[in-house]
């Protein structure tokens, strides 16, 4: 089996695009600051063998994506910044839990961290192009069966 990175990133981004929360959903880490509203960006964070998931002749992969939710730190009213970000993150985490195999593209989302770090989200701030954003980064670990052939 080959690793369909573009298809997987597209499937993850499509959950964000169809959620109704986001004005933009780039499939890369943006090089410039997002504009108004909420933005969700999806990109590859890491890849490696999926611990304890491989067979004797092929290695399964753990592909971890970053899904960053952004909004301006200057959004008004300020009391709605975190609730708006959290509502969007909650919708995405629910979607990734519900579409456990991304319509057959992967074996499963590693929700509970069987192969390492579980799906989670971490809040923070980002200064980009002189603008400050409130962000939450979702770590999305995905297990893909039989990606690399093992040989003698």
C-alpha atoms as a PDB file:
ATOM      1  CA  UNK A   1       0.000   0.000   0.000  1.00  0.00           C
ATOM      2  CA  UNK A   2       1.241   3.506  -0.701  1.00  0.00           C
ATOM      3  CA  UNK A   3       0.805   6.464   1.568  1.00  0.00           C
ATOM      4  CA  UNK A   4      -1.840   8.809   0.107  1.00  0.00           C
ATOM      5  CA  UNK A   5      -0.764  11.911   2.016  1.00  0.00           C
ATOM      6  CA  UNK A   6      -2.604  14.348  -0.265  1.00  0.00           C
ATOM      7  CA  UNK A   7      -5.844  12.358   0.004  1.00  0.00           C
ATOM      8  CA  UNK A   8      -5.554  12.078   3.783  1.00  0.00           C
ATOM      9  CA  UNK A   9      -4.828  15.801   4.272  1.00  0.00           C
ATOM     10  CA  UNK A  10      -7.726  16.604   1.927  1.00  0.00           C
ATOM     11  CA  UNK A  11     -10.111  14.366   3.918  1.00  0.00           C
ATOM     12  CA  UNK A  12      -9.078  15.988   7.209  1.00  0.00           C
ATOM     13  CA  UNK A  13      -9.395  19.490   5.729  1.00  0.00           C
ATOM     14  CA  UNK A  14     -12.810  18.688   4.246  1.00  0.00           C
ATOM     15  CA  UNK A  15     -14.189  18.113   7.753  1.00  0.00           C
ATOM     16  CA  UNK A  16     -13.144  21.658   8.628  1.00  0.00           C
ATOM     17  CA  UNK A  17     -14.398  23.111   5.344  1.00  0.00           C
ATOM     18  CA  UNK A  18     -17.860  21.578   5.705  1.00  0.00           C
ATOM     19  CA  UNK A  19     -18.220  22.397   9.415  1.00  0.00           C
ATOM     20  CA  UNK A  20     -19.437  25.942   8.773  1.00  0.00           C
ATOM     21  CA  UNK A  21     -16.986  27.422  11.302  1.00  0.00           C
ATOM     22  CA  UNK A  22     -14.135  28.488   9.023  1.00  0.00           C
ATOM     23  CA  UNK A  23     -13.632  31.180   6.409  1.00  0.00           C
ATOM     24  CA  UNK A  24     -10.523  29.437   5.049  1.00  0.00           C
ATOM     25  CA  UNK A  25      -9.003  25.953   5.284  1.00  0.00           C
ATOM     26  CA  UNK A  26      -5.537  25.871   3.693  1.00  0.00           C
ATOM     27  CA  UNK A  27      -3.833  22.486   3.389  1.00  0.00           C
ATOM     28  CA  UNK A  28      -0.455  23.865   4.462  1.00  0.00           C
ATOM     29  CA  UNK A  29       0.995  25.978   7.239  1.00  0.00           C
ATOM     30  CA  UNK A  30       0.190  29.540   6.127  1.00  0.00           C
ATOM     31  CA  UNK A  31       3.169  31.726   5.293  1.00  0.00           C
ATOM     32  CA  UNK A  32       1.209  34.897   5.990  1.00  0.00           C
ATOM     33  CA  UNK A  33      -1.309  35.881   8.628  1.00  0.00           C
ATOM     34  CA  UNK A  34      -4.920  34.802   8.115  1.00  0.00           C
ATOM     35  CA  UNK A  35      -7.532  37.515   7.611  1.00  0.00           C
ATOM     36  CA  UNK A  36     -10.780  37.937   9.567  1.00  0.00           C
ATOM     37  CA  UNK A  37     -12.822  35.122  11.091  1.00  0.00           C
ATOM     38  CA  UNK A  38     -11.730  31.630  11.996  1.00  0.00           C
ATOM     39  CA  UNK A  39      -9.165  29.761   9.908  1.00  0.00           C
ATOM     40  CA  UNK A  40      -8.219  26.080  10.138  1.00  0.00           C
ATOM     41  CA  UNK A  41      -4.958  24.977   8.528  1.00  0.00           C
ATOM     42  CA  UNK A  42      -3.886  21.346   8.063  1.00  0.00           C
ATOM     43  CA  UNK A  43      -0.336  20.083   7.540  1.00  0.00           C
ATOM     44  CA  UNK A  44       1.891  17.092   8.232  1.00  0.00           C
ATOM     45  CA  UNK A  45       3.579  17.127  11.627  1.00  0.00           C
ATOM     46  CA  UNK A  46       5.400  13.769  11.687  1.00  0.00           C
ATOM     47  CA  UNK A  47       5.536  10.251  10.293  1.00  0.00           C
ATOM     48  CA  UNK A  48       7.051   7.022  11.552  1.00  0.00           C
ATOM     49  CA  UNK A  49       6.287   3.390  12.265  1.00  0.00           C
ATOM     50  CA  UNK A  50       3.107   2.696  14.244  1.00  0.00           C
ATOM     51  CA  UNK A  51       4.385   0.960  17.380  1.00  0.00           C
ATOM     52  CA  UNK A  52       2.934  -2.503  17.891  1.00  0.00           C
ATOM     53  CA  UNK A  53       0.762  -2.280  14.766  1.00  0.00           C
ATOM     54  CA  UNK A  54       2.972  -3.767  12.066  1.00  0.00           C
ATOM     55  CA  UNK A  55       3.033  -7.319  10.741  1.00  0.00           C
ATOM     56  CA  UNK A  56       6.020  -9.492   9.930  1.00  0.00           C
ATOM     57  CA  UNK A  57       6.379  -8.351   6.323  1.00  0.00           C
ATOM     58  CA  UNK A  58       5.038  -4.792   6.261  1.00  0.00           C
ATOM     59  CA  UNK A  59       5.271  -1.760   8.524  1.00  0.00           C
ATOM     60  CA  UNK A  60       2.216   0.304   9.376  1.00  0.00           C
ATOM     61  CA  UNK A  61       2.685   4.062   9.686  1.00  0.00           C
ATOM     62  CA  UNK A  62       1.683   6.655  12.231  1.00  0.00           C
ATOM     63  CA  UNK A  63       1.075   9.878  10.314  1.00  0.00           C
ATOM     64  CA  UNK A  64       0.471  12.815  12.635  1.00  0.00           C
ATOM     65  CA  UNK A  65      -1.213  15.921  11.265  1.00  0.00           C
ATOM     66  CA  UNK A  66      -1.428  19.360  12.813  1.00  0.00           C
ATOM     67  CA  UNK A  67      -4.784  21.106  12.539  1.00  0.00           C
ATOM     68  CA  UNK A  68      -4.409  24.718  13.696  1.00  0.00           C
ATOM     69  CA  UNK A  69      -7.461  26.845  14.443  1.00  0.00           C
ATOM     70  CA  UNK A  70      -6.734  30.605  14.328  1.00  0.00           C
ATOM     71  CA  UNK A  71      -8.615  33.763  15.192  1.00  0.00           C
ATOM     72  CA  UNK A  72      -7.474  37.315  15.827  1.00  0.00           C
ATOM     73  CA  UNK A  73      -6.449  38.112  19.391  1.00  0.00           C
ATOM     74  CA  UNK A  74      -8.171  41.464  18.824  1.00  0.00           C
ATOM     75  CA  UNK A  75     -11.581  39.963  17.957  1.00  0.00           C
ATOM     76  CA  UNK A  76     -14.533  41.586  19.713  1.00  0.00           C
ATOM     77  CA  UNK A  77     -16.076  40.808  22.073  1.00  0.00           C
ATOM     78  CA  UNK A  78     -12.991  39.421  23.777  1.00  0.00           C
ATOM     79  CA  UNK A  79     -15.073  37.099  25.969  1.00  0.00           C
ATOM     80  CA  UNK A  80     -16.060  35.133  22.853  1.00  0.00           C
ATOM     81  CA  UNK A  81     -12.543  34.460  21.551  1.00  0.00           C
ATOM     82  CA  UNK A  82     -11.956  31.228  23.484  1.00  0.00           C
ATOM     83  CA  UNK A  83     -15.562  29.960  23.222  1.00  0.00           C
ATOM     84  CA  UNK A  84     -15.515  30.450  19.431  1.00  0.00           C
ATOM     85  CA  UNK A  85     -12.189  28.661  19.065  1.00  0.00           C
ATOM     86  CA  UNK A  86     -13.274  25.873  21.425  1.00  0.00           C
ATOM     87  CA  UNK A  87     -16.591  25.353  19.600  1.00  0.00           C
ATOM     88  CA  UNK A  88     -14.711  24.911  16.333  1.00  0.00           C
ATOM     89  CA  UNK A  89     -12.121  22.579  17.900  1.00  0.00           C
ATOM     90  CA  UNK A  90     -14.878  20.554  19.550  1.00  0.00           C
ATOM     91  CA  UNK A  91     -16.659  20.166  16.186  1.00  0.00           C
ATOM     92  CA  UNK A  92     -13.439  19.013  14.511  1.00  0.00           C
ATOM     93  CA  UNK A  93     -12.531  16.538  17.251  1.00  0.00           C
ATOM     94  CA  UNK A  94     -16.073  15.163  17.086  1.00  0.00           C
ATOM     95  CA  UNK A  95     -15.795  14.819  13.298  1.00  0.00           C
ATOM     96  CA  UNK A  96     -12.439  13.017  13.496  1.00  0.00           C
ATOM     97  CA  UNK A  97     -13.823  10.707  16.182  1.00  0.00           C
ATOM     98  CA  UNK A  98     -16.925  10.028  14.098  1.00  0.00           C
ATOM     99  CA  UNK A  99     -15.102   9.420  10.805  1.00  0.00           C
ATOM    100  CA  UNK A 100     -12.692   7.046  12.506  1.00  0.00           C
ATOM    101  CA  UNK A 101     -11.138   5.715   9.255  1.00  0.00           C
ATOM    102  CA  UNK A 102     -11.575   8.798   7.004  1.00  0.00           C
ATOM    103  CA  UNK A 103     -13.813   6.824   4.653  1.00  0.00           C
ATOM    104  CA  UNK A 104     -11.296   3.969   4.396  1.00  0.00           C
ATOM    105  CA  UNK A 105      -8.151   6.059   3.713  1.00  0.00           C
ATOM    106  CA  UNK A 106      -6.595   5.060   7.044  1.00  0.00           C
ATOM    107  CA  UNK A 107      -7.007   2.249   9.553  1.00  0.00           C
ATOM    108  CA  UNK A 108      -8.003   4.615  12.349  1.00  0.00           C
ATOM    109  CA  UNK A 109      -7.541   7.874  14.168  1.00  0.00           C
ATOM    110  CA  UNK A 110      -5.417   6.998  17.203  1.00  0.00           C
ATOM    111  CA  UNK A 111      -7.881   8.666  19.574  1.00  0.00           C
ATOM    112  CA  UNK A 112      -6.461   7.271  22.805  1.00  0.00           C
ATOM    113  CA  UNK A 113      -2.768   7.128  21.869  1.00  0.00           C
ATOM    114  CA  UNK A 114      -2.235   3.398  21.447  1.00  0.00           C
ATOM    115  CA  UNK A 115       0.746   4.179  19.171  1.00  0.00           C
ATOM    116  CA  UNK A 116       1.967   7.259  21.030  1.00  0.00           C
ATOM    117  CA  UNK A 117       0.323  10.605  21.685  1.00  0.00           C
ATOM    118  CA  UNK A 118      -3.503  10.619  21.623  1.00  0.00           C
ATOM    119  CA  UNK A 119      -5.601  13.104  19.679  1.00  0.00           C
ATOM    120  CA  UNK A 120      -5.485  16.331  21.686  1.00  0.00           C
ATOM    121  CA  UNK A 121      -5.589  20.099  21.363  1.00  0.00           C
ATOM    122  CA  UNK A 122      -3.304  22.680  22.922  1.00  0.00           C
ATOM    123  CA  UNK A 123      -4.116  26.401  23.161  1.00  0.00           C
ATOM    124  CA  UNK A 124      -1.643  29.204  22.672  1.00  0.00           C
ATOM    125  CA  UNK A 125      -0.839  32.428  20.872  1.00  0.00           C
ATOM    126  CA  UNK A 126       0.933  33.083  17.579  1.00  0.00           C
ATOM    127  CA  UNK A 127       2.545  36.292  16.363  1.00  0.00           C
ATOM    128  CA  UNK A 128       2.531  36.263  12.563  1.00  0.00           C
ATOM    129  CA  UNK A 129       3.189  39.275  10.343  1.00  0.00           C
ATOM    130  CA  UNK A 130       2.952  41.519  13.419  1.00  0.00           C
ATOM    131  CA  UNK A 131      -0.546  40.261  14.257  1.00  0.00           C
ATOM    132  CA  UNK A 132      -1.368  38.178  17.315  1.00  0.00           C
ATOM    133  CA  UNK A 133      -3.687  35.181  17.010  1.00  0.00           C
ATOM    134  CA  UNK A 134      -5.359  32.940  19.520  1.00  0.00           C
ATOM    135  CA  UNK A 135      -4.746  29.398  18.331  1.00  0.00           C
ATOM    136  CA  UNK A 136      -5.460  25.814  19.222  1.00  0.00           C
ATOM    137  CA  UNK A 137      -3.339  23.100  17.645  1.00  0.00           C
ATOM    138  CA  UNK A 138      -5.026  19.735  17.276  1.00  0.00           C
ATOM    139  CA  UNK A 139      -2.588  16.826  17.170  1.00  0.00           C
ATOM    140  CA  UNK A 140      -4.261  14.254  14.926  1.00  0.00           C
ATOM    141  CA  UNK A 141      -2.488  10.853  14.933  1.00  0.00           C
ATOM    142  CA  UNK A 142      -3.531   8.546  12.079  1.00  0.00           C
ATOM    143  CA  UNK A 143      -2.645   4.861  11.726  1.00  0.00           C
ATOM    144  CA  UNK A 144      -2.217   3.564   8.153  1.00  0.00           C
ATOM    145  CA  UNK A 145      -1.834  -0.176   7.546  1.00  0.00           C
ATOM    146  CA  UNK A 146       1.034  -1.770   5.632  1.00  0.00           C
ATOM    147  CA  UNK A 147       2.797   1.284   4.216  1.00  0.00           C
ATOM    148  CA  UNK A 148       6.377   0.058   3.987  1.00  0.00           C
ATOM    149  CA  UNK A 149       7.490  -3.409   2.916  1.00  0.00           C
ATOM    150  CA  UNK A 150      10.021  -5.139   5.124  1.00  0.00           C
ATOM    151  CA  UNK A 151      12.682  -7.272   3.468  1.00  0.00           C
ATOM    152  CA  UNK A 152      15.434  -9.619   4.549  1.00  0.00           C
END
